């Protein structure tokens, strides 16, 4: 399985700044990362599912 680093996900997929990515991450509005050591990686499947939910308006994020 090929994983995408957090930086690749932020820059190539989302095209947003590190600060904007941090805000999304802090709010829980990103797919769950796969943590290896201290680095976060994302599976292409989880990214595609997350993007599909965002586009369809069916964001399953839990706010508390």
C-alpha atoms as a PDB file:
ATOM      1  CA  UNK A   1       0.000   0.000   0.000  1.00  0.00           C
ATOM      2  CA  UNK A   2       1.394   3.401  -0.992  1.00  0.00           C
ATOM      3  CA  UNK A   3       1.030   6.068   1.647  1.00  0.00           C
ATOM      4  CA  UNK A   4       1.078   9.819   1.164  1.00  0.00           C
ATOM      5  CA  UNK A   5       3.064  11.933   3.605  1.00  0.00           C
ATOM      6  CA  UNK A   6       1.299  14.730   5.429  1.00  0.00           C
ATOM      7  CA  UNK A   7       3.230  17.324   3.423  1.00  0.00           C
ATOM      8  CA  UNK A   8       2.276  15.680   0.101  1.00  0.00           C
ATOM      9  CA  UNK A   9      -1.362  15.545   1.189  1.00  0.00           C
ATOM     10  CA  UNK A  10      -1.315  19.205   2.227  1.00  0.00           C
ATOM     11  CA  UNK A  11       0.484  20.598  -0.812  1.00  0.00           C
ATOM     12  CA  UNK A  12      -0.431  18.306  -3.710  1.00  0.00           C
ATOM     13  CA  UNK A  13      -3.980  17.275  -2.810  1.00  0.00           C
ATOM     14  CA  UNK A  14      -5.308  20.244  -0.872  1.00  0.00           C
ATOM     15  CA  UNK A  15      -2.969  23.029  -1.968  1.00  0.00           C
ATOM     16  CA  UNK A  16      -3.211  24.848   1.362  1.00  0.00           C
ATOM     17  CA  UNK A  17      -0.737  26.411   3.765  1.00  0.00           C
ATOM     18  CA  UNK A  18       0.681  24.612   6.767  1.00  0.00           C
ATOM     19  CA  UNK A  19      -1.361  26.869   9.051  1.00  0.00           C
ATOM     20  CA  UNK A  20      -4.638  26.076   7.280  1.00  0.00           C
ATOM     21  CA  UNK A  21      -3.805  22.369   7.406  1.00  0.00           C
ATOM     22  CA  UNK A  22      -3.071  22.626  11.128  1.00  0.00           C
ATOM     23  CA  UNK A  23      -6.464  24.285  11.696  1.00  0.00           C
ATOM     24  CA  UNK A  24      -8.265  21.477   9.835  1.00  0.00           C
ATOM     25  CA  UNK A  25      -6.293  18.888  11.773  1.00  0.00           C
ATOM     26  CA  UNK A  26      -7.006  20.558  15.112  1.00  0.00           C
ATOM     27  CA  UNK A  27     -10.741  20.755  14.354  1.00  0.00           C
ATOM     28  CA  UNK A  28     -10.847  17.044  13.473  1.00  0.00           C
ATOM     29  CA  UNK A  29     -11.816  17.774   9.883  1.00  0.00           C
ATOM     30  CA  UNK A  30      -9.265  15.451   8.227  1.00  0.00           C
ATOM     31  CA  UNK A  31      -9.102  11.706   7.714  1.00  0.00           C
ATOM     32  CA  UNK A  32      -7.304   9.799  10.454  1.00  0.00           C
ATOM     33  CA  UNK A  33      -3.585   9.561   9.742  1.00  0.00           C
ATOM     34  CA  UNK A  34      -1.423   6.472   9.921  1.00  0.00           C
ATOM     35  CA  UNK A  35       1.364   7.312  12.364  1.00  0.00           C
ATOM     36  CA  UNK A  36       4.784   5.798  11.764  1.00  0.00           C
ATOM     37  CA  UNK A  37       7.307   7.026  14.270  1.00  0.00           C
ATOM     38  CA  UNK A  38       6.522  10.717  14.617  1.00  0.00           C
ATOM     39  CA  UNK A  39       5.306  11.205  11.062  1.00  0.00           C
ATOM     40  CA  UNK A  40       1.758  11.171   9.743  1.00  0.00           C
ATOM     41  CA  UNK A  41       0.821   9.428   6.526  1.00  0.00           C
ATOM     42  CA  UNK A  42      -2.496   9.095   4.735  1.00  0.00           C
ATOM     43  CA  UNK A  43      -3.809   6.238   2.635  1.00  0.00           C
ATOM     44  CA  UNK A  44      -5.160   7.176  -0.794  1.00  0.00           C
ATOM     45  CA  UNK A  45      -8.413   5.346   0.053  1.00  0.00           C
ATOM     46  CA  UNK A  46      -9.031   7.422   3.187  1.00  0.00           C
ATOM     47  CA  UNK A  47      -8.273  10.622   1.275  1.00  0.00           C
ATOM     48  CA  UNK A  48     -10.691   9.723  -1.534  1.00  0.00           C
ATOM     49  CA  UNK A  49     -13.458   8.832   0.966  1.00  0.00           C
ATOM     50  CA  UNK A  50     -12.879  12.084   2.863  1.00  0.00           C
ATOM     51  CA  UNK A  51     -12.954  14.155  -0.335  1.00  0.00           C
ATOM     52  CA  UNK A  52     -16.151  12.414  -1.490  1.00  0.00           C
ATOM     53  CA  UNK A  53     -17.850  13.204   1.843  1.00  0.00           C
ATOM     54  CA  UNK A  54     -16.733  16.828   1.648  1.00  0.00           C
ATOM     55  CA  UNK A  55     -18.011  17.208  -1.922  1.00  0.00           C
ATOM     56  CA  UNK A  56     -21.337  15.547  -1.213  1.00  0.00           C
ATOM     57  CA  UNK A  57     -21.924  17.630   1.908  1.00  0.00           C
ATOM     58  CA  UNK A  58     -22.121  14.525   4.096  1.00  0.00           C
ATOM     59  CA  UNK A  59     -19.286  15.450   6.394  1.00  0.00           C
ATOM     60  CA  UNK A  60     -19.376  12.980   9.298  1.00  0.00           C
ATOM     61  CA  UNK A  61     -17.237  15.102  11.601  1.00  0.00           C
ATOM     62  CA  UNK A  62     -18.358  15.054  15.210  1.00  0.00           C
ATOM     63  CA  UNK A  63     -18.367  18.428  16.903  1.00  0.00           C
ATOM     64  CA  UNK A  64     -18.411  18.664  20.614  1.00  0.00           C
END
